[in-house]
C-alpha atoms as a PDB file:
ATOM      1  CA  UNK A   1      59.676 149.620  88.779  1.00  0.00           C
ATOM      2  CA  UNK A   2      58.192 152.503  86.469  1.00  0.00           C
ATOM      3  CA  UNK A   3      60.328 155.176  84.868  1.00  0.00           C
ATOM      4  CA  UNK A   4      59.954 157.795  87.670  1.00  0.00           C
ATOM      5  CA  UNK A   5      60.583 155.171  90.547  1.00  0.00           C
ATOM      6  CA  UNK A   6      63.905 154.197  88.550  1.00  0.00           C
ATOM      7  CA  UNK A   7      64.857 157.811  87.971  1.00  0.00           C
ATOM      8  CA  UNK A   8      64.495 158.561  91.835  1.00  0.00           C
ATOM      9  CA  UNK A   9      66.535 155.323  92.516  1.00  0.00           C
ATOM     10  CA  UNK A  10      69.100 156.125  90.033  1.00  0.00           C
ATOM     11  CA  UNK A  11      69.282 159.772  91.549  1.00  0.00           C
ATOM     12  CA  UNK A  12      69.811 158.329  94.904  1.00  0.00           C
ATOM     13  CA  UNK A  13      72.683 156.056  93.972  1.00  0.00           C
ATOM     14  CA  UNK A  14      74.244 158.560  91.650  1.00  0.00           C
ATOM     15  CA  UNK A  15      74.531 161.111  94.534  1.00  0.00           C
ATOM     16  CA  UNK A  16      76.235 158.575  97.103  1.00  0.00           C
ATOM     17  CA  UNK A  17      78.603 157.424  94.324  1.00  0.00           C
ATOM     18  CA  UNK A  18      79.448 160.891  93.114  1.00  0.00           C
ATOM     19  CA  UNK A  19      80.389 162.130  96.439  1.00  0.00           C
ATOM     20  CA  UNK A  20      83.157 159.537  96.549  1.00  0.00           C
ATOM     21  CA  UNK A  21      84.190 158.806  92.954  1.00  0.00           C
ATOM     22  CA  UNK A  22      83.286 162.210  91.205  1.00  0.00           C
ATOM     23  CA  UNK A  23      81.414 160.599  88.270  1.00  0.00           C
ATOM     24  CA  UNK A  24      80.023 163.724  86.842  1.00  0.00           C
ATOM     25  CA  UNK A  25      79.789 167.635  87.615  1.00  0.00           C
ATOM     26  CA  UNK A  26      76.063 167.412  86.855  1.00  0.00           C
ATOM     27  CA  UNK A  27      74.118 168.526  89.822  1.00  0.00           C
ATOM     28  CA  UNK A  28      70.517 168.475  88.464  1.00  0.00           C
ATOM     29  CA  UNK A  29      69.746 165.132  87.088  1.00  0.00           C
ATOM     30  CA  UNK A  30      66.072 165.742  86.280  1.00  0.00           C
ATOM     31  CA  UNK A  31      67.749 168.041  83.512  1.00  0.00           C
ATOM     32  CA  UNK A  32      70.151 165.374  82.314  1.00  0.00           C
ATOM     33  CA  UNK A  33      67.243 162.907  82.098  1.00  0.00           C
ATOM     34  CA  UNK A  34      65.273 165.391  80.145  1.00  0.00           C
ATOM     35  CA  UNK A  35      68.147 166.149  77.861  1.00  0.00           C
ATOM     36  CA  UNK A  36      68.867 162.316  77.361  1.00  0.00           C
ATOM     37  CA  UNK A  37      65.504 161.624  76.422  1.00  0.00           C
ATOM     38  CA  UNK A  38      65.169 164.860  74.323  1.00  0.00           C
ATOM     39  CA  UNK A  39      66.419 162.895  71.387  1.00  0.00           C
ATOM     40  CA  UNK A  40      63.402 160.566  71.215  1.00  0.00           C
ATOM     41  CA  UNK A  41      61.382 163.778  70.486  1.00  0.00           C
ATOM     42  CA  UNK A  42      63.267 164.013  66.995  1.00  0.00           C
ATOM     43  CA  UNK A  43      63.677 160.348  66.201  1.00  0.00           C
ATOM     44  CA  UNK A  44      61.748 156.969  66.045  1.00  0.00           C
ATOM     45  CA  UNK A  45      63.893 154.498  67.822  1.00  0.00           C
ATOM     46  CA  UNK A  46      61.061 151.943  68.162  1.00  0.00           C
ATOM     47  CA  UNK A  47      62.339 149.556  65.698  1.00  0.00           C
ATOM     48  CA  UNK A  48      65.959 149.291  67.186  1.00  0.00           C
ATOM     49  CA  UNK A  49      67.040 146.123  69.034  1.00  0.00           C
ATOM     50  CA  UNK A  50      70.796 146.877  69.686  1.00  0.00           C
ATOM     51  CA  UNK A  51      72.125 150.229  70.992  1.00  0.00           C
ATOM     52  CA  UNK A  52      75.802 151.005  71.687  1.00  0.00           C
ATOM     53  CA  UNK A  53      76.765 153.926  73.838  1.00  0.00           C
ATOM     54  CA  UNK A  54      80.288 154.922  73.462  1.00  0.00           C
ATOM     55  CA  UNK A  55      81.967 156.774  76.390  1.00  0.00           C
ATOM     56  CA  UNK A  56      79.003 156.068  78.651  1.00  0.00           C
ATOM     57  CA  UNK A  57      80.483 157.693  81.928  1.00  0.00           C
ATOM     58  CA  UNK A  58      77.819 157.940  84.460  1.00  0.00           C
ATOM     59  CA  UNK A  59      75.299 156.721  82.003  1.00  0.00           C
ATOM     60  CA  UNK A  60      74.020 159.520  80.066  1.00  0.00           C
ATOM     61  CA  UNK A  61      72.290 159.070  77.855  1.00  0.00           C
ATOM     62  CA  UNK A  62      72.144 155.371  77.938  1.00  0.00           C
ATOM     63  CA  UNK A  63      70.614 154.622  81.308  1.00  0.00           C
ATOM     64  CA  UNK A  64      67.738 156.877  80.827  1.00  0.00           C
ATOM     65  CA  UNK A  65      67.156 155.604  77.310  1.00  0.00           C
ATOM     66  CA  UNK A  66      67.172 151.940  78.525  1.00  0.00           C
ATOM     67  CA  UNK A  67      64.552 152.864  81.102  1.00  0.00           C
ATOM     68  CA  UNK A  68      62.350 153.864  78.565  1.00  0.00           C
ATOM     69  CA  UNK A  69      63.212 151.298  75.694  1.00  0.00           C
ATOM     70  CA  UNK A  70      63.124 148.143  77.545  1.00  0.00           C
ATOM     71  CA  UNK A  71      62.630 145.862  74.478  1.00  0.00           C
ATOM     72  CA  UNK A  72      66.098 147.312  73.209  1.00  0.00           C
ATOM     73  CA  UNK A  73      69.564 145.977  74.381  1.00  0.00           C
ATOM     74  CA  UNK A  74      72.042 148.747  75.292  1.00  0.00           C
ATOM     75  CA  UNK A  75      75.584 147.958  75.415  1.00  0.00           C
ATOM     76  CA  UNK A  76      77.534 150.751  77.257  1.00  0.00           C
ATOM     77  CA  UNK A  77      81.378 150.947  76.622  1.00  0.00           C
ATOM     78  CA  UNK A  78      83.132 152.587  79.642  1.00  0.00           C
ATOM     79  CA  UNK A  79      86.765 152.054  80.207  1.00  0.00           C
ATOM     80  CA  UNK A  80      87.163 153.835  83.428  1.00  0.00           C
ATOM     81  CA  UNK A  81      86.958 151.486  86.120  1.00  0.00           C
ATOM     82  CA  UNK A  82      84.988 153.351  88.624  1.00  0.00           C
ATOM     83  CA  UNK A  83      82.421 154.468  86.181  1.00  0.00           C
ATOM     84  CA  UNK A  84      81.797 151.158  84.601  1.00  0.00           C
ATOM     85  CA  UNK A  85      81.580 149.609  88.214  1.00  0.00           C
ATOM     86  CA  UNK A  86      78.959 152.463  88.836  1.00  0.00           C
ATOM     87  CA  UNK A  87      76.972 151.489  85.587  1.00  0.00           C
ATOM     88  CA  UNK A  88      76.994 147.725  86.645  1.00  0.00           C
ATOM     89  CA  UNK A  89      75.825 148.746  90.094  1.00  0.00           C
ATOM     90  CA  UNK A  90      73.103 150.888  88.671  1.00  0.00           C
ATOM     91  CA  UNK A  91      72.077 148.171  86.166  1.00  0.00           C
ATOM     92  CA  UNK A  92      71.543 145.577  88.997  1.00  0.00           C
ATOM     93  CA  UNK A  93      69.989 148.125  91.358  1.00  0.00           C
ATOM     94  CA  UNK A  94      67.256 149.279  89.061  1.00  0.00           C
ATOM     95  CA  UNK A  95      66.570 146.008  87.644  1.00  0.00           C
ATOM     96  CA  UNK A  96      67.745 147.032  83.957  1.00  0.00           C
ATOM     97  CA  UNK A  97      68.205 143.612  82.220  1.00  0.00           C
ATOM     98  CA  UNK A  98      68.467 145.230  78.957  1.00  0.00           C
ATOM     99  CA  UNK A  99      72.084 146.844  79.903  1.00  0.00           C
ATOM    100  CA  UNK A 100      75.202 145.121  79.065  1.00  0.00           C
ATOM    101  CA  UNK A 101      78.284 146.898  80.530  1.00  0.00           C
ATOM    102  CA  UNK A 102      81.681 146.600  78.707  1.00  0.00           C
ATOM    103  CA  UNK A 103      84.523 147.752  81.057  1.00  0.00           C
ATOM    104  CA  UNK A 104      86.761 148.584  78.047  1.00  0.00           C
ATOM    105  CA  UNK A 105      87.191 150.707  75.087  1.00  0.00           C
ATOM    106  CA  UNK A 106      84.985 149.698  71.994  1.00  0.00           C
ATOM    107  CA  UNK A 107      88.014 149.148  69.821  1.00  0.00           C
ATOM    108  CA  UNK A 108      89.061 146.267  72.289  1.00  0.00           C
ATOM    109  CA  UNK A 109      85.399 144.403  71.626  1.00  0.00           C
ATOM    110  CA  UNK A 110      84.667 141.977  68.883  1.00  0.00           C
ATOM    111  CA  UNK A 111      82.486 143.962  66.412  1.00  0.00           C
ATOM    112  CA  UNK A 112      78.871 143.475  66.296  1.00  0.00           C
ATOM    113  CA  UNK A 113      76.117 145.547  64.404  1.00  0.00           C
ATOM    114  CA  UNK A 114      74.175 147.987  66.096  1.00  0.00           C
ATOM    115  CA  UNK A 115      71.129 149.585  65.054  1.00  0.00           C
ATOM    116  CA  UNK A 116      71.779 152.856  66.850  1.00  0.00           C
ATOM    117  CA  UNK A 117      75.019 154.177  68.199  1.00  0.00           C
ATOM    118  CA  UNK A 118      75.004 157.107  70.813  1.00  0.00           C
ATOM    119  CA  UNK A 119      77.596 159.357  72.333  1.00  0.00           C
ATOM    120  CA  UNK A 120      77.280 162.392  74.476  1.00  0.00           C
ATOM    121  CA  UNK A 121      80.015 165.013  73.094  1.00  0.00           C
ATOM    122  CA  UNK A 122      82.774 162.418  74.178  1.00  0.00           C
ATOM    123  CA  UNK A 123      84.424 162.300  70.727  1.00  0.00           C
ATOM    124  CA  UNK A 124      84.629 164.415  67.372  1.00  0.00           C
ATOM    125  CA  UNK A 125      82.348 162.838  64.813  1.00  0.00           C
ATOM    126  CA  UNK A 126      85.360 161.558  62.623  1.00  0.00           C
ATOM    127  CA  UNK A 127      86.805 159.930  65.620  1.00  0.00           C
ATOM    128  CA  UNK A 128      83.724 158.224  66.598  1.00  0.00           C
ATOM    129  CA  UNK A 129      83.132 156.807  63.167  1.00  0.00           C
ATOM    130  CA  UNK A 130      86.385 155.533  63.236  1.00  0.00           C
ATOM    131  CA  UNK A 131      86.415 154.032  66.810  1.00  0.00           C
ATOM    132  CA  UNK A 132      83.085 152.205  65.902  1.00  0.00           C
ATOM    133  CA  UNK A 133      84.117 150.645  62.316  1.00  0.00           C
ATOM    134  CA  UNK A 134      82.720 147.202  62.256  1.00  0.00           C
ATOM    135  CA  UNK A 135      79.832 148.166  64.567  1.00  0.00           C
ATOM    136  CA  UNK A 136      77.805 149.837  61.972  1.00  0.00           C
ATOM    137  CA  UNK A 137      76.443 149.669  58.474  1.00  0.00           C
ATOM    138  CA  UNK A 138      74.709 151.967  56.231  1.00  0.00           C
ATOM    139  CA  UNK A 139      71.466 151.329  58.122  1.00  0.00           C
ATOM    140  CA  UNK A 140      72.955 152.170  61.508  1.00  0.00           C
ATOM    141  CA  UNK A 141      71.684 155.568  62.962  1.00  0.00           C
ATOM    142  CA  UNK A 142      74.298 157.540  64.767  1.00  0.00           C
ATOM    143  CA  UNK A 143      72.342 159.646  67.546  1.00  0.00           C
ATOM    144  CA  UNK A 144      74.767 162.134  69.052  1.00  0.00           C
ATOM    145  CA  UNK A 145      74.596 164.793  71.838  1.00  0.00           C
ATOM    146  CA  UNK A 146      76.768 167.813  70.816  1.00  0.00           C
ATOM    147  CA  UNK A 147      77.206 171.374  71.584  1.00  0.00           C
ATOM    148  CA  UNK A 148      77.372 174.375  69.215  1.00  0.00           C
ATOM    149  CA  UNK A 149      80.302 173.773  67.311  1.00  0.00           C
ATOM    150  CA  UNK A 150      79.098 170.710  65.313  1.00  0.00           C
ATOM    151  CA  UNK A 151      78.967 172.136  61.882  1.00  0.00           C
ATOM    152  CA  UNK A 152      82.720 172.012  61.539  1.00  0.00           C
ATOM    153  CA  UNK A 153      82.825 168.369  62.541  1.00  0.00           C
ATOM    154  CA  UNK A 154      80.134 167.347  60.005  1.00  0.00           C
ATOM    155  CA  UNK A 155      82.042 169.227  57.055  1.00  0.00           C
ATOM    156  CA  UNK A 156      82.796 166.736  54.253  1.00  0.00           C
ATOM    157  CA  UNK A 157      80.970 163.699  55.670  1.00  0.00           C
ATOM    158  CA  UNK A 158      78.956 161.972  53.043  1.00  0.00           C
ATOM    159  CA  UNK A 159      75.750 160.678  54.808  1.00  0.00           C
ATOM    160  CA  UNK A 160      72.405 161.799  55.751  1.00  0.00           C
ATOM    161  CA  UNK A 161      72.646 164.433  58.412  1.00  0.00           C
ATOM    162  CA  UNK A 162      69.834 165.845  60.328  1.00  0.00           C
ATOM    163  CA  UNK A 163      70.543 168.154  63.304  1.00  0.00           C
ATOM    164  CA  UNK A 164      67.642 169.100  65.907  1.00  0.00           C
ATOM    165  CA  UNK A 165      68.430 171.969  68.290  1.00  0.00           C
ATOM    166  CA  UNK A 166      66.985 172.074  71.650  1.00  0.00           C
ATOM    167  CA  UNK A 167      68.321 175.033  73.911  1.00  0.00           C
ATOM    168  CA  UNK A 168      72.047 174.514  74.235  1.00  0.00           C
ATOM    169  CA  UNK A 169      71.974 170.903  72.804  1.00  0.00           C
ATOM    170  CA  UNK A 170      72.400 169.878  69.374  1.00  0.00           C
ATOM    171  CA  UNK A 171      70.886 166.351  68.722  1.00  0.00           C
ATOM    172  CA  UNK A 172      72.812 165.001  65.442  1.00  0.00           C
ATOM    173  CA  UNK A 173      71.395 162.257  63.449  1.00  0.00           C
ATOM    174  CA  UNK A 174      73.814 160.628  60.845  1.00  0.00           C
ATOM    175  CA  UNK A 175      72.745 157.796  58.642  1.00  0.00           C
ATOM    176  CA  UNK A 176      74.112 156.015  55.563  1.00  0.00           C
ATOM    177  CA  UNK A 177      77.700 155.961  56.624  1.00  0.00           C
ATOM    178  CA  UNK A 178      79.630 153.993  54.574  1.00  0.00           C
ATOM    179  CA  UNK A 179      81.894 151.465  56.388  1.00  0.00           C
END
């Protein structure tokens, strides 16, 4: 399947599951996919081999990124059983061999190093850094999807920080975080 076919297949299963399990309040998945992939406009992820998505929910942004970055392994951490079951079904249905679904919190996993760690507004930056300790080093890039109040969360953080704005989205890139 190419990207457009996978996106349509994802939309079909999302609509069915969402009616029963209330996975997300989003209605326009084209906008969600565009937002999820928007981060690629501002950063080159081509050398990434391992990506962790914390609080994956219904798969935003990780499923869309996995569709585009087939050479990269995506570890999706989602402790909610209905959401992680949906993610496992989506992985199988879409033939996304590069996704590994972890039906648990990241802090309950044996640490391994990621090239990139993503999260879509699920945690404050300080909490995310604490939860993911052991999964990153100074070379890991945090690629976060945040709203308008991000500056306060970044205050005092000693790292390389870049914020790219797109409409109501702040794509936040953090690198060089000391473990």
